[in-house]
Amino acid sequence: MADFVNVHVGSFVSLHRTMRRHRRRIHPVTPQSMTEFHLQLTGEYAHLSMIQNETIYSGIVGATPEEGTTLLFILPGIKKYITIKYNKLHFK
């Protein structure tokens, strides 16, 4: 076994704080509303909502207080299927 002489490992609390601080720097700020979340998904953090190099975020549905706000996500395979079905129905 290797001997570790004069190796200083900081306290776990210090290491934990450092890891948490670095994690906070790379993660988006928690949105306070669905509108803020929409702005994140269409702006600076759009790359975080991608699968197979395609965005899964499709947009916002309903934006009035009566309707509420819904964010729509569609997987690439489903999006392709919907497009094929839509084209078959409308472009015969």
PDB file of N, CA and C in Angstrom:
ATOM      1  N   MET A   1       0.826  -1.187   0.000  1.00  0.00           N
ATOM      2  CA  MET A   1       0.000   0.000   0.000  1.00  0.00           C
ATOM      3  C   MET A   1       0.870   1.249   0.000  1.00  0.00           C
ATOM      4  N   ALA A   2       0.342   2.267  -0.648  1.00  0.00           N
ATOM      5  CA  ALA A   2       1.088   3.525  -0.703  1.00  0.00           C
ATOM      6  C   ALA A   2       0.967   4.268   0.613  1.00  0.00           C
ATOM      7  N   ASP A   3       2.037   4.924   1.005  1.00  0.00           N
ATOM      8  CA  ASP A   3       2.018   5.762   2.199  1.00  0.00           C
ATOM      9  C   ASP A   3       1.819   7.213   1.763  1.00  0.00           C
ATOM     10  N   PHE A   4       0.886   7.866   2.404  1.00  0.00           N
ATOM     11  CA  PHE A   4       0.639   9.262   2.110  1.00  0.00           C
ATOM     12  C   PHE A   4       1.201  10.084   3.261  1.00  0.00           C
ATOM     13  N   VAL A   5       2.326  10.700   2.989  1.00  0.00           N
ATOM     14  CA  VAL A   5       3.017  11.468   4.015  1.00  0.00           C
ATOM     15  C   VAL A   5       2.815  12.948   3.743  1.00  0.00           C
ATOM     16  N   ASN A   6       2.521  13.666   4.790  1.00  0.00           N
ATOM     17  CA  ASN A   6       2.345  15.119   4.704  1.00  0.00           C
ATOM     18  C   ASN A   6       1.292  15.540   3.672  1.00  0.00           C
ATOM     19  N   VAL A   7       0.236  14.761   3.548  1.00  0.00           N
ATOM     20  CA  VAL A   7      -0.859  15.107   2.638  1.00  0.00           C
ATOM     21  C   VAL A   7      -1.942  15.771   3.464  1.00  0.00           C
ATOM     22  N   HIS A   8      -2.304  16.972   3.045  1.00  0.00           N
ATOM     23  CA  HIS A   8      -3.357  17.687   3.771  1.00  0.00           C
ATOM     24  C   HIS A   8      -4.637  17.625   2.954  1.00  0.00           C
ATOM     25  N   VAL A   9      -5.647  17.025   3.514  1.00  0.00           N
ATOM     26  CA  VAL A   9      -6.964  17.004   2.898  1.00  0.00           C
ATOM     27  C   VAL A   9      -7.841  17.860   3.783  1.00  0.00           C
ATOM     28  N   GLY A  10      -8.437  18.902   3.175  1.00  0.00           N
ATOM     29  CA  GLY A  10      -9.271  19.810   3.959  1.00  0.00           C
ATOM     30  C   GLY A  10     -10.435  19.082   4.595  1.00  0.00           C
ATOM     31  N   SER A  11     -11.112  19.769   5.451  1.00  0.00           N
ATOM     32  CA  SER A  11     -12.252  19.154   6.130  1.00  0.00           C
ATOM     33  C   SER A  11     -13.351  18.846   5.118  1.00  0.00           C
ATOM     34  N   PHE A  12     -14.155  17.882   5.470  1.00  0.00           N
ATOM     35  CA  PHE A  12     -15.259  17.504   4.583  1.00  0.00           C
ATOM     36  C   PHE A  12     -16.202  18.677   4.370  1.00  0.00           C
ATOM     37  N   VAL A  13     -16.460  19.450   5.411  1.00  0.00           N
ATOM     38  CA  VAL A  13     -17.362  20.598   5.313  1.00  0.00           C
ATOM     39  C   VAL A  13     -16.834  21.589   4.287  1.00  0.00           C
ATOM     40  N   SER A  14     -15.560  21.869   4.325  1.00  0.00           N
ATOM     41  CA  SER A  14     -14.947  22.799   3.382  1.00  0.00           C
ATOM     42  C   SER A  14     -15.040  22.260   1.956  1.00  0.00           C
ATOM     43  N   LEU A  15     -14.739  21.001   1.790  1.00  0.00           N
ATOM     44  CA  LEU A  15     -14.817  20.378   0.467  1.00  0.00           C
ATOM     45  C   LEU A  15     -16.254  20.380  -0.045  1.00  0.00           C
ATOM     46  N   HIS A  16     -17.200  20.083   0.833  1.00  0.00           N
ATOM     47  CA  HIS A  16     -18.617  20.069   0.472  1.00  0.00           C
ATOM     48  C   HIS A  16     -19.064  21.460   0.021  1.00  0.00           C
ATOM     49  N   ARG A  17     -18.660  22.508   0.746  1.00  0.00           N
ATOM     50  CA  ARG A  17     -19.000  23.884   0.371  1.00  0.00           C
ATOM     51  C   ARG A  17     -18.439  24.236  -1.008  1.00  0.00           C
ATOM     52  N   THR A  18     -17.206  23.842  -1.249  1.00  0.00           N
ATOM     53  CA  THR A  18     -16.562  24.124  -2.537  1.00  0.00           C
ATOM     54  C   THR A  18     -17.315  23.442  -3.675  1.00  0.00           C
ATOM     55  N   MET A  19     -17.674  22.179  -3.478  1.00  0.00           N
ATOM     56  CA  MET A  19     -18.419  21.449  -4.523  1.00  0.00           C
ATOM     57  C   MET A  19     -19.777  22.107  -4.763  1.00  0.00           C
ATOM     58  N   ARG A  20     -20.468  22.495  -3.701  1.00  0.00           N
ATOM     59  CA  ARG A  20     -21.779  23.128  -3.838  1.00  0.00           C
ATOM     60  C   ARG A  20     -21.668  24.452  -4.584  1.00  0.00           C
ATOM     61  N   ARG A  21     -20.654  25.239  -4.262  1.00  0.00           N
ATOM     62  CA  ARG A  21     -20.440  26.535  -4.924  1.00  0.00           C
ATOM     63  C   ARG A  21     -20.199  26.343  -6.422  1.00  0.00           C
ATOM     64  N   HIS A  22     -19.378  25.374  -6.792  1.00  0.00           N
ATOM     65  CA  HIS A  22     -19.102  25.117  -8.211  1.00  0.00           C
ATOM     66  C   HIS A  22     -20.334  24.585  -8.921  1.00  0.00           C
ATOM     67  N   ARG A  23     -21.112  23.748  -8.249  1.00  0.00           N
ATOM     68  CA  ARG A  23     -22.338  23.215  -8.837  1.00  0.00           C
ATOM     69  C   ARG A  23     -23.322  24.346  -9.127  1.00  0.00           C
ATOM     70  N   ARG A  24     -23.458  25.300  -8.193  1.00  0.00           N
ATOM     71  CA  ARG A  24     -24.359  26.435  -8.377  1.00  0.00           C
ATOM     72  C   ARG A  24     -23.963  27.287  -9.567  1.00  0.00           C
ATOM     73  N   ARG A  25     -22.671  27.395  -9.830  1.00  0.00           N
ATOM     74  CA  ARG A  25     -22.203  28.224 -10.952  1.00  0.00           C
ATOM     75  C   ARG A  25     -22.614  27.650 -12.302  1.00  0.00           C
ATOM     76  N   ILE A  26     -22.679  26.327 -12.420  1.00  0.00           N
ATOM     77  CA  ILE A  26     -22.965  25.732 -13.734  1.00  0.00           C
ATOM     78  C   ILE A  26     -24.447  25.439 -13.959  1.00  0.00           C
ATOM     79  N   HIS A  27     -25.259  25.467 -12.902  1.00  0.00           N
ATOM     80  CA  HIS A  27     -26.684  25.194 -13.058  1.00  0.00           C
ATOM     81  C   HIS A  27     -27.467  26.489 -13.209  1.00  0.00           C
ATOM     82  N   PRO A  28     -28.576  26.425 -13.965  1.00  0.00           N
ATOM     83  CA  PRO A  28     -29.395  27.626 -14.112  1.00  0.00           C
ATOM     84  C   PRO A  28     -30.040  28.023 -12.779  1.00  0.00           C
ATOM     85  N   VAL A  29     -30.366  29.289 -12.675  1.00  0.00           N
ATOM     86  CA  VAL A  29     -31.073  29.795 -11.511  1.00  0.00           C
ATOM     87  C   VAL A  29     -32.478  29.211 -11.534  1.00  0.00           C
ATOM     88  N   THR A  30     -33.007  28.829 -10.388  1.00  0.00           N
ATOM     89  CA  THR A  30     -34.350  28.281 -10.326  1.00  0.00           C
ATOM     90  C   THR A  30     -35.358  29.352 -10.728  1.00  0.00           C
ATOM     91  N   PRO A  31     -36.161  29.081 -11.768  1.00  0.00           N
ATOM     92  CA  PRO A  31     -37.131  30.091 -12.211  1.00  0.00           C
ATOM     93  C   PRO A  31     -38.238  30.269 -11.173  1.00  0.00           C
ATOM     94  N   GLN A  32     -38.771  31.473 -11.088  1.00  0.00           N
ATOM     95  CA  GLN A  32     -39.835  31.777 -10.134  1.00  0.00           C
ATOM     96  C   GLN A  32     -41.220  31.679 -10.762  1.00  0.00           C
ATOM     97  N   SER A  33     -41.282  31.494 -12.080  1.00  0.00           N
ATOM     98  CA  SER A  33     -42.574  31.365 -12.762  1.00  0.00           C
ATOM     99  C   SER A  33     -42.370  30.536 -14.025  1.00  0.00           C
ATOM    100  N   MET A  34     -43.475  30.107 -14.599  1.00  0.00           N
ATOM    101  CA  MET A  34     -43.410  29.341 -15.852  1.00  0.00           C
ATOM    102  C   MET A  34     -42.889  30.225 -16.991  1.00  0.00           C
ATOM    103  N   THR A  35     -43.215  31.499 -16.948  1.00  0.00           N
ATOM    104  CA  THR A  35     -42.720  32.419 -17.975  1.00  0.00           C
ATOM    105  C   THR A  35     -41.200  32.535 -17.903  1.00  0.00           C
ATOM    106  N   GLU A  36     -40.649  32.635 -16.691  1.00  0.00           N
ATOM    107  CA  GLU A  36     -39.186  32.662 -16.536  1.00  0.00           C
ATOM    108  C   GLU A  36     -38.569  31.363 -17.040  1.00  0.00           C
ATOM    109  N   PHE A  37     -39.218  30.245 -16.748  1.00  0.00           N
ATOM    110  CA  PHE A  37     -38.722  28.946 -17.207  1.00  0.00           C
ATOM    111  C   PHE A  37     -38.720  28.899 -18.732  1.00  0.00           C
ATOM    112  N   HIS A  38     -39.787  29.399 -19.343  1.00  0.00           N
ATOM    113  CA  HIS A  38     -39.872  29.477 -20.808  1.00  0.00           C
ATOM    114  C   HIS A  38     -38.716  30.310 -21.365  1.00  0.00           C
ATOM    115  N   LEU A  39     -38.437  31.439 -20.732  1.00  0.00           N
ATOM    116  CA  LEU A  39     -37.345  32.299 -21.204  1.00  0.00           C
ATOM    117  C   LEU A  39     -35.994  31.599 -21.076  1.00  0.00           C
ATOM    118  N   GLN A  40     -35.804  30.816 -20.022  1.00  0.00           N
ATOM    119  CA  GLN A  40     -34.564  30.045 -19.878  1.00  0.00           C
ATOM    120  C   GLN A  40     -34.448  29.003 -20.977  1.00  0.00           C
ATOM    121  N   LEU A  41     -35.555  28.302 -21.250  1.00  0.00           N
ATOM    122  CA  LEU A  41     -35.530  27.215 -22.234  1.00  0.00           C
ATOM    123  C   LEU A  41     -35.371  27.706 -23.668  1.00  0.00           C
ATOM    124  N   THR A  42     -35.721  28.948 -23.922  1.00  0.00           N
ATOM    125  CA  THR A  42     -35.567  29.489 -25.272  1.00  0.00           C
ATOM    126  C   THR A  42     -34.353  30.403 -25.391  1.00  0.00           C
ATOM    127  N   GLY A  43     -33.687  30.631 -24.294  1.00  0.00           N
ATOM    128  CA  GLY A  43     -32.539  31.529 -24.302  1.00  0.00           C
ATOM    129  C   GLY A  43     -31.246  30.822 -23.967  1.00  0.00           C
ATOM    130  N   GLU A  44     -30.640  31.309 -22.934  1.00  0.00           N
ATOM    131  CA  GLU A  44     -29.304  30.896 -22.523  1.00  0.00           C
ATOM    132  C   GLU A  44     -29.160  29.402 -22.205  1.00  0.00           C
ATOM    133  N   TYR A  45     -30.236  28.761 -21.759  1.00  0.00           N
ATOM    134  CA  TYR A  45     -30.148  27.359 -21.362  1.00  0.00           C
ATOM    135  C   TYR A  45     -30.825  26.406 -22.344  1.00  0.00           C
ATOM    136  N   ALA A  46     -31.063  26.853 -23.564  1.00  0.00           N
ATOM    137  CA  ALA A  46     -31.744  26.017 -24.564  1.00  0.00           C
ATOM    138  C   ALA A  46     -30.997  24.704 -24.800  1.00  0.00           C
ATOM    139  N   HIS A  47     -29.692  24.734 -24.705  1.00  0.00           N
ATOM    140  CA  HIS A  47     -28.895  23.522 -24.952  1.00  0.00           C
ATOM    141  C   HIS A  47     -29.134  22.436 -23.905  1.00  0.00           C
ATOM    142  N   LEU A  48     -29.704  22.806 -22.758  1.00  0.00           N
ATOM    143  CA  LEU A  48     -29.943  21.823 -21.700  1.00  0.00           C
ATOM    144  C   LEU A  48     -31.210  21.002 -21.935  1.00  0.00           C
ATOM    145  N   SER A  49     -32.026  21.412 -22.891  1.00  0.00           N
ATOM    146  CA  SER A  49     -33.262  20.671 -23.166  1.00  0.00           C
ATOM    147  C   SER A  49     -33.173  19.962 -24.520  1.00  0.00           C
ATOM    148  N   MET A  50     -32.044  19.296 -24.741  1.00  0.00           N
ATOM    149  CA  MET A  50     -31.851  18.595 -26.017  1.00  0.00           C
ATOM    150  C   MET A  50     -31.638  17.099 -25.790  1.00  0.00           C
ATOM    151  N   ILE A  51     -32.236  16.318 -26.696  1.00  0.00           N
ATOM    152  CA  ILE A  51     -32.024  14.877 -26.744  1.00  0.00           C
ATOM    153  C   ILE A  51     -31.758  14.538 -28.208  1.00  0.00           C
ATOM    154  N   GLN A  52     -30.727  13.746 -28.459  1.00  0.00           N
ATOM    155  CA  GLN A  52     -30.348  13.361 -29.827  1.00  0.00           C
ATOM    156  C   GLN A  52     -30.168  14.595 -30.719  1.00  0.00           C
ATOM    157  N   ASN A  53     -29.552  15.630 -30.180  1.00  0.00           N
ATOM    158  CA  ASN A  53     -29.290  16.889 -30.884  1.00  0.00           C
ATOM    159  C   ASN A  53     -30.554  17.599 -31.358  1.00  0.00           C
ATOM    160  N   GLU A  54     -31.686  17.302 -30.738  1.00  0.00           N
ATOM    161  CA  GLU A  54     -32.935  18.002 -31.042  1.00  0.00           C
ATOM    162  C   GLU A  54     -33.511  18.529 -29.746  1.00  0.00           C
ATOM    163  N   THR A  55     -34.050  19.735 -29.817  1.00  0.00           N
ATOM    164  CA  THR A  55     -34.649  20.301 -28.613  1.00  0.00           C
ATOM    165  C   THR A  55     -35.961  19.592 -28.320  1.00  0.00           C
ATOM    166  N   ILE A  56     -36.222  19.327 -27.052  1.00  0.00           N
ATOM    167  CA  ILE A  56     -37.480  18.686 -26.689  1.00  0.00           C
ATOM    168  C   ILE A  56     -38.508  19.721 -26.242  1.00  0.00           C
ATOM    169  N   TYR A  57     -38.062  20.955 -26.060  1.00  0.00           N
ATOM    170  CA  TYR A  57     -38.994  22.003 -25.655  1.00  0.00           C
ATOM    171  C   TYR A  57     -39.670  22.556 -26.886  1.00  0.00           C
ATOM    172  N   SER A  58     -41.011  22.530 -26.891  1.00  0.00           N
ATOM    173  CA  SER A  58     -41.748  22.990 -28.060  1.00  0.00           C
ATOM    174  C   SER A  58     -42.379  24.357 -27.891  1.00  0.00           C
ATOM    175  N   GLY A  59     -42.663  24.762 -26.686  1.00  0.00           N
ATOM    176  CA  GLY A  59     -43.212  26.096 -26.500  1.00  0.00           C
ATOM    177  C   GLY A  59     -44.161  26.193 -25.329  1.00  0.00           C
ATOM    178  N   ILE A  60     -44.801  27.345 -25.259  1.00  0.00           N
ATOM    179  CA  ILE A  60     -45.697  27.659 -24.157  1.00  0.00           C
ATOM    180  C   ILE A  60     -47.138  27.589 -24.663  1.00  0.00           C
ATOM    181  N   VAL A  61     -48.014  27.017 -23.862  1.00  0.00           N
ATOM    182  CA  VAL A  61     -49.427  26.899 -24.224  1.00  0.00           C
ATOM    183  C   VAL A  61     -50.229  27.605 -23.143  1.00  0.00           C
ATOM    184  N   GLY A  62     -51.039  28.557 -23.550  1.00  0.00           N
ATOM    185  CA  GLY A  62     -51.858  29.289 -22.582  1.00  0.00           C
ATOM    186  C   GLY A  62     -51.019  30.235 -21.755  1.00  0.00           C
ATOM    187  N   ALA A  63     -51.395  31.466 -21.742  1.00  0.00           N
ATOM    188  CA  ALA A  63     -50.608  32.426 -20.969  1.00  0.00           C
ATOM    189  C   ALA A  63     -51.501  33.415 -20.234  1.00  0.00           C
ATOM    190  N   THR A  64     -52.760  33.060 -20.077  1.00  0.00           N
ATOM    191  CA  THR A  64     -53.657  33.944 -19.335  1.00  0.00           C
ATOM    192  C   THR A  64     -53.924  33.339 -17.963  1.00  0.00           C
ATOM    193  N   PRO A  65     -54.294  34.149 -17.001  1.00  0.00           N
ATOM    194  CA  PRO A  65     -54.560  33.609 -15.662  1.00  0.00           C
ATOM    195  C   PRO A  65     -55.660  32.548 -15.661  1.00  0.00           C
ATOM    196  N   GLU A  66     -56.639  32.688 -16.546  1.00  0.00           N
ATOM    197  CA  GLU A  66     -57.732  31.722 -16.610  1.00  0.00           C
ATOM    198  C   GLU A  66     -57.237  30.365 -17.130  1.00  0.00           C
ATOM    199  N   GLU A  67     -56.382  30.401 -18.139  1.00  0.00           N
ATOM    200  CA  GLU A  67     -55.868  29.168 -18.738  1.00  0.00           C
ATOM    201  C   GLU A  67     -54.752  28.549 -17.909  1.00  0.00           C
ATOM    202  N   GLY A  68     -53.997  29.382 -17.266  1.00  0.00           N
ATOM    203  CA  GLY A  68     -52.780  28.910 -16.632  1.00  0.00           C
ATOM    204  C   GLY A  68     -51.684  28.860 -17.688  1.00  0.00           C
ATOM    205  N   THR A  69     -50.528  28.382 -17.312  1.00  0.00           N
ATOM    206  CA  THR A  69     -49.418  28.305 -18.253  1.00  0.00           C
ATOM    207  C   THR A  69     -48.895  26.888 -18.275  1.00  0.00           C
ATOM    208  N   THR A  70     -48.769  26.334 -19.457  1.00  0.00           N
ATOM    209  CA  THR A  70     -48.244  24.983 -19.623  1.00  0.00           C
ATOM    210  C   THR A  70     -47.074  25.045 -20.593  1.00  0.00           C
ATOM    211  N   LEU A  71     -45.986  24.390 -20.239  1.00  0.00           N
ATOM    212  CA  LEU A  71     -44.844  24.291 -21.138  1.00  0.00           C
ATOM    213  C   LEU A  71     -44.923  22.921 -21.807  1.00  0.00           C
ATOM    214  N   LEU A  72     -44.737  22.894 -23.110  1.00  0.00           N
ATOM    215  CA  LEU A  72     -44.909  21.670 -23.885  1.00  0.00           C
ATOM    216  C   LEU A  72     -43.552  21.101 -24.298  1.00  0.00           C
ATOM    217  N   PHE A  73     -43.321  19.843 -23.941  1.00  0.00           N
ATOM    218  CA  PHE A  73     -42.105  19.123 -24.306  1.00  0.00           C
ATOM    219  C   PHE A  73     -42.503  17.930 -25.166  1.00  0.00           C
ATOM    220  N   ILE A  74     -41.811  17.735 -26.282  1.00  0.00           N
ATOM    221  CA  ILE A  74     -42.099  16.604 -27.167  1.00  0.00           C
ATOM    222  C   ILE A  74     -40.779  15.907 -27.504  1.00  0.00           C
ATOM    223  N   LEU A  75     -40.734  14.600 -27.286  1.00  0.00           N
ATOM    224  CA  LEU A  75     -39.531  13.818 -27.602  1.00  0.00           C
ATOM    225  C   LEU A  75     -39.328  13.748 -29.112  1.00  0.00           C
ATOM    226  N   PRO A  76     -38.064  13.662 -29.569  1.00  0.00           N
ATOM    227  CA  PRO A  76     -37.772  13.654 -31.007  1.00  0.00           C
ATOM    228  C   PRO A  76     -38.539  12.575 -31.788  1.00  0.00           C
ATOM    229  N   GLY A  77     -38.634  11.365 -31.262  1.00  0.00           N
ATOM    230  CA  GLY A  77     -39.356  10.297 -31.965  1.00  0.00           C
ATOM    231  C   GLY A  77     -40.827  10.613 -32.140  1.00  0.00           C
ATOM    232  N   ILE A  78     -41.436  11.177 -31.128  1.00  0.00           N
ATOM    233  CA  ILE A  78     -42.851  11.561 -31.192  1.00  0.00           C
ATOM    234  C   ILE A  78     -43.040  12.713 -32.166  1.00  0.00           C
ATOM    235  N   LYS A  79     -42.117  13.672 -32.132  1.00  0.00           N
ATOM    236  CA  LYS A  79     -42.194  14.824 -33.039  1.00  0.00           C
ATOM    237  C   LYS A  79     -42.147  14.360 -34.497  1.00  0.00           C
ATOM    238  N   LYS A  80     -41.252  13.390 -34.774  1.00  0.00           N
ATOM    239  CA  LYS A  80     -41.131  12.855 -36.131  1.00  0.00           C
ATOM    240  C   LYS A  80     -42.433  12.158 -36.544  1.00  0.00           C
ATOM    241  N   TYR A  81     -43.013  11.379 -35.649  1.00  0.00           N
ATOM    242  CA  TYR A  81     -44.259  10.665 -35.912  1.00  0.00           C
ATOM    243  C   TYR A  81     -45.401  11.642 -36.183  1.00  0.00           C
ATOM    244  N   ILE A  82     -45.512  12.680 -35.365  1.00  0.00           N
ATOM    245  CA  ILE A  82     -46.561  13.686 -35.544  1.00  0.00           C
ATOM    246  C   ILE A  82     -46.400  14.373 -36.897  1.00  0.00           C
ATOM    247  N   THR A  83     -45.181  14.707 -37.264  1.00  0.00           N
ATOM    248  CA  THR A  83     -44.921  15.370 -38.549  1.00  0.00           C
ATOM    249  C   THR A  83     -45.341  14.476 -39.712  1.00  0.00           C
ATOM    250  N   ILE A  84     -44.988  13.202 -39.653  1.00  0.00           N
ATOM    251  CA  ILE A  84     -45.355  12.257 -40.719  1.00  0.00           C
ATOM    252  C   ILE A  84     -46.870  12.157 -40.827  1.00  0.00           C
ATOM    253  N   LYS A  85     -47.562  11.986 -39.697  1.00  0.00           N
ATOM    254  CA  LYS A  85     -49.030  11.876 -39.699  1.00  0.00           C
ATOM    255  C   LYS A  85     -49.672  13.158 -40.213  1.00  0.00           C
ATOM    256  N   TYR A  86     -49.172  14.295 -39.782  1.00  0.00           N
ATOM    257  CA  TYR A  86     -49.701  15.581 -40.216  1.00  0.00           C
ATOM    258  C   TYR A  86     -49.563  15.724 -41.729  1.00  0.00           C
ATOM    259  N   ASN A  87     -48.383  15.406 -42.261  1.00  0.00           N
ATOM    260  CA  ASN A  87     -48.146  15.517 -43.690  1.00  0.00           C
ATOM    261  C   ASN A  87     -49.055  14.582 -44.496  1.00  0.00           C
ATOM    262  N   LYS A  88     -49.271  13.376 -43.985  1.00  0.00           N
ATOM    263  CA  LYS A  88     -50.151  12.417 -44.680  1.00  0.00           C
ATOM    264  C   LYS A  88     -51.584  12.930 -44.709  1.00  0.00           C
ATOM    265  N   LEU A  89     -52.035  13.557 -43.633  1.00  0.00           N
ATOM    266  CA  LEU A  89     -53.400  14.051 -43.575  1.00  0.00           C
ATOM    267  C   LEU A  89     -53.619  15.307 -44.415  1.00  0.00           C
ATOM    268  N   HIS A  90     -52.647  16.181 -44.467  1.00  0.00           N
ATOM    269  CA  HIS A  90     -52.844  17.490 -45.105  1.00  0.00           C
ATOM    270  C   HIS A  90     -52.256  17.629 -46.498  1.00  0.00           C
ATOM    271  N   PHE A  91     -51.374  16.755 -46.871  1.00  0.00           N
ATOM    272  CA  PHE A  91     -50.703  16.906 -48.177  1.00  0.00           C
ATOM    273  C   PHE A  91     -50.841  15.640 -49.014  1.00  0.00           C
ATOM    274  N   LYS A  92     -52.066  15.167 -49.172  1.00  0.00           N
ATOM    275  CA  LYS A  92     -52.298  13.950 -49.981  1.00  0.00           C
ATOM    276  C   LYS A  92     -52.250  14.256 -51.444  1.00  0.00           C
TER     277      LYS A  92
END
